[in-house]
C-alpha atoms as a PDB file:
ATOM      1  CA  UNK A   1       0.000   0.000   0.000  1.00  0.00           C
ATOM      2  CA  UNK A   2       1.250   3.488  -0.806  1.00  0.00           C
ATOM      3  CA  UNK A   3       1.172   6.336   1.704  1.00  0.00           C
ATOM      4  CA  UNK A   4       1.214   9.836   0.172  1.00  0.00           C
ATOM      5  CA  UNK A   5       1.823  10.681  -3.452  1.00  0.00           C
ATOM      6  CA  UNK A   6       4.718   9.246  -5.434  1.00  0.00           C
ATOM      7  CA  UNK A   7       5.778  10.935  -8.648  1.00  0.00           C
ATOM      8  CA  UNK A   8       7.155   8.961 -11.545  1.00  0.00           C
ATOM      9  CA  UNK A   9      10.755  10.044 -10.803  1.00  0.00           C
ATOM     10  CA  UNK A  10      10.629   9.673  -7.008  1.00  0.00           C
ATOM     11  CA  UNK A  11      12.494   6.879  -5.310  1.00  0.00           C
ATOM     12  CA  UNK A  12      10.346   4.669  -3.093  1.00  0.00           C
ATOM     13  CA  UNK A  13      11.029   3.718   0.499  1.00  0.00           C
ATOM     14  CA  UNK A  14       9.558   0.384   1.544  1.00  0.00           C
ATOM     15  CA  UNK A  15       8.841  -0.255   5.208  1.00  0.00           C
ATOM     16  CA  UNK A  16       6.787  -2.578   7.366  1.00  0.00           C
ATOM     17  CA  UNK A  17       4.459  -1.587  10.139  1.00  0.00           C
ATOM     18  CA  UNK A  18       2.304  -3.528  12.557  1.00  0.00           C
ATOM     19  CA  UNK A  19      -1.272  -2.697  11.586  1.00  0.00           C
ATOM     20  CA  UNK A  20      -4.450  -3.933  13.254  1.00  0.00           C
ATOM     21  CA  UNK A  21      -8.027  -3.715  12.003  1.00  0.00           C
ATOM     22  CA  UNK A  22      -9.969  -1.190  14.081  1.00  0.00           C
ATOM     23  CA  UNK A  23     -13.086  -3.376  13.942  1.00  0.00           C
ATOM     24  CA  UNK A  24     -11.962  -6.949  14.633  1.00  0.00           C
ATOM     25  CA  UNK A  25      -8.392  -6.352  15.855  1.00  0.00           C
ATOM     26  CA  UNK A  26      -6.879  -8.769  13.335  1.00  0.00           C
ATOM     27  CA  UNK A  27      -3.209  -8.149  12.563  1.00  0.00           C
ATOM     28  CA  UNK A  28      -2.646  -7.552   8.865  1.00  0.00           C
ATOM     29  CA  UNK A  29       0.519  -7.459   6.761  1.00  0.00           C
ATOM     30  CA  UNK A  30       1.954  -3.972   6.953  1.00  0.00           C
ATOM     31  CA  UNK A  31       4.106  -3.608   3.858  1.00  0.00           C
ATOM     32  CA  UNK A  32       3.902   0.072   2.923  1.00  0.00           C
ATOM     33  CA  UNK A  33       5.649   2.434   0.524  1.00  0.00           C
ATOM     34  CA  UNK A  34       6.275   6.178   0.478  1.00  0.00           C
ATOM     35  CA  UNK A  35       8.397   8.520  -1.601  1.00  0.00           C
ATOM     36  CA  UNK A  36      11.855   9.336  -0.278  1.00  0.00           C
ATOM     37  CA  UNK A  37      10.935  13.039  -0.115  1.00  0.00           C
ATOM     38  CA  UNK A  38       7.716  12.415   1.842  1.00  0.00           C
ATOM     39  CA  UNK A  39       9.039   9.733   4.193  1.00  0.00           C
ATOM     40  CA  UNK A  40       9.520  10.876   7.837  1.00  0.00           C
ATOM     41  CA  UNK A  41       8.013  14.354   7.314  1.00  0.00           C
ATOM     42  CA  UNK A  42       5.326  15.786   9.594  1.00  0.00           C
ATOM     43  CA  UNK A  43       2.697  15.236   6.903  1.00  0.00           C
ATOM     44  CA  UNK A  44       3.812  11.620   6.518  1.00  0.00           C
ATOM     45  CA  UNK A  45       3.479  10.982  10.242  1.00  0.00           C
ATOM     46  CA  UNK A  46       0.014  12.582  10.351  1.00  0.00           C
ATOM     47  CA  UNK A  47      -1.210  10.601   7.355  1.00  0.00           C
ATOM     48  CA  UNK A  48       0.186   7.381   8.807  1.00  0.00           C
ATOM     49  CA  UNK A  49      -1.598   7.979  12.124  1.00  0.00           C
ATOM     50  CA  UNK A  50      -4.903   8.677  10.338  1.00  0.00           C
ATOM     51  CA  UNK A  51      -4.402   5.522   8.282  1.00  0.00           C
ATOM     52  CA  UNK A  52      -3.844   3.394  11.397  1.00  0.00           C
ATOM     53  CA  UNK A  53      -6.860   4.946  13.165  1.00  0.00           C
ATOM     54  CA  UNK A  54      -9.206   4.160  10.255  1.00  0.00           C
ATOM     55  CA  UNK A  55      -7.830   0.881   8.857  1.00  0.00           C
ATOM     56  CA  UNK A  56     -10.268  -1.961   8.198  1.00  0.00           C
ATOM     57  CA  UNK A  57      -9.115  -5.409   7.089  1.00  0.00           C
ATOM     58  CA  UNK A  58     -10.566  -6.767   3.841  1.00  0.00           C
ATOM     59  CA  UNK A  59     -13.240  -8.832   5.582  1.00  0.00           C
ATOM     60  CA  UNK A  60     -14.533  -5.954   7.730  1.00  0.00           C
ATOM     61  CA  UNK A  61     -14.352  -3.544   4.776  1.00  0.00           C
ATOM     62  CA  UNK A  62     -16.440  -5.923   2.656  1.00  0.00           C
ATOM     63  CA  UNK A  63     -19.001  -6.402   5.453  1.00  0.00           C
ATOM     64  CA  UNK A  64     -19.335  -2.631   5.782  1.00  0.00           C
ATOM     65  CA  UNK A  65     -19.703  -2.213   2.012  1.00  0.00           C
ATOM     66  CA  UNK A  66     -22.326  -4.975   1.750  1.00  0.00           C
ATOM     67  CA  UNK A  67     -24.374  -3.625   4.663  1.00  0.00           C
ATOM     68  CA  UNK A  68     -24.256  -0.115   3.183  1.00  0.00           C
ATOM     69  CA  UNK A  69     -25.435  -1.389  -0.212  1.00  0.00           C
ATOM     70  CA  UNK A  70     -28.261  -3.414   1.348  1.00  0.00           C
ATOM     71  CA  UNK A  71     -29.537  -0.409   3.288  1.00  0.00           C
ATOM     72  CA  UNK A  72     -29.609   1.654   0.066  1.00  0.00           C
ATOM     73  CA  UNK A  73     -31.728  -0.969  -1.727  1.00  0.00           C
ATOM     74  CA  UNK A  74     -34.470  -0.855   0.908  1.00  0.00           C
END
């Protein structure tokens, strides 16, 4: 997953992070990428914190999407 914007010419920094789903608490693989320019800036740290506070695993994200679509149909 990519954090921030990466231009075509930017070098990428790959890093791992322990990420947990905010709904079920399941630990998910945390392989992330950011541009070298963006990595370790204040904006990067803020975006990373927001990402961790709002992260849903695939199963929980699908459940949320399905329940939202079902409520629209009624």
